Amino acid sequence: MLFQRKVRIEIDVRYLGKNDLTSFLKIKDVVESSYQEALSSLTIDIPYIPKLYIIPFLQRIVSGNKYKFVWNALGPDPMELTKSAIFPSLSFLQRAYQVHITTSLAHELAHLLDAIQTPNLLKVKKKNSMQTIDLKMEERVRSMFRYFKEPLRSWLLE
């Protein structure tokens, strides 16, 4: 199901408070357009279109006694646990130019492609540091950029 036409995307705002929701509604069209562009740039089928869950905070990723904060992430869909969803932070969406939003969402789609092609991704030896795991994962994700059309592929590689 390659996306030559506009596809139905789902954006869930359940995690936003009233003020954040008001802020998001001002940029909703940009976010939808960015996601449509990322999806239409794919040159490979994906089994489903991940929902976007807009969150009002950065995510903290913890591994052992180390952690890092990320603007956007791919994770389990809280409403459909057999699927993944994309969790962009509102602060990122408010600050970024549309090209960066598109690229970021495409990057998360690349994580989905990697997870589909490498289903045992989380079975990593405990002795590996978080940084080593991240580098290996990002290296695999970078190889997924080949499944995006230009100019998005070049944007991802920048």
Foldseek 3Di string as FASTA:
>chain_A
DQDQDQDDAAEAAVQDDPVLVVVCVVCVVLLSVLQRQLRNQFQDDDPDHAHEYEHADWDWDDQDPDIDTHQKAWAADPVHRVDIHIYGYSVCSNPDDSLVSSLVSNLRVLLVVLCVVVVPLPPDDSVDDPVRSVVVSVVSSLVSLVRGHPPSSVVNVD
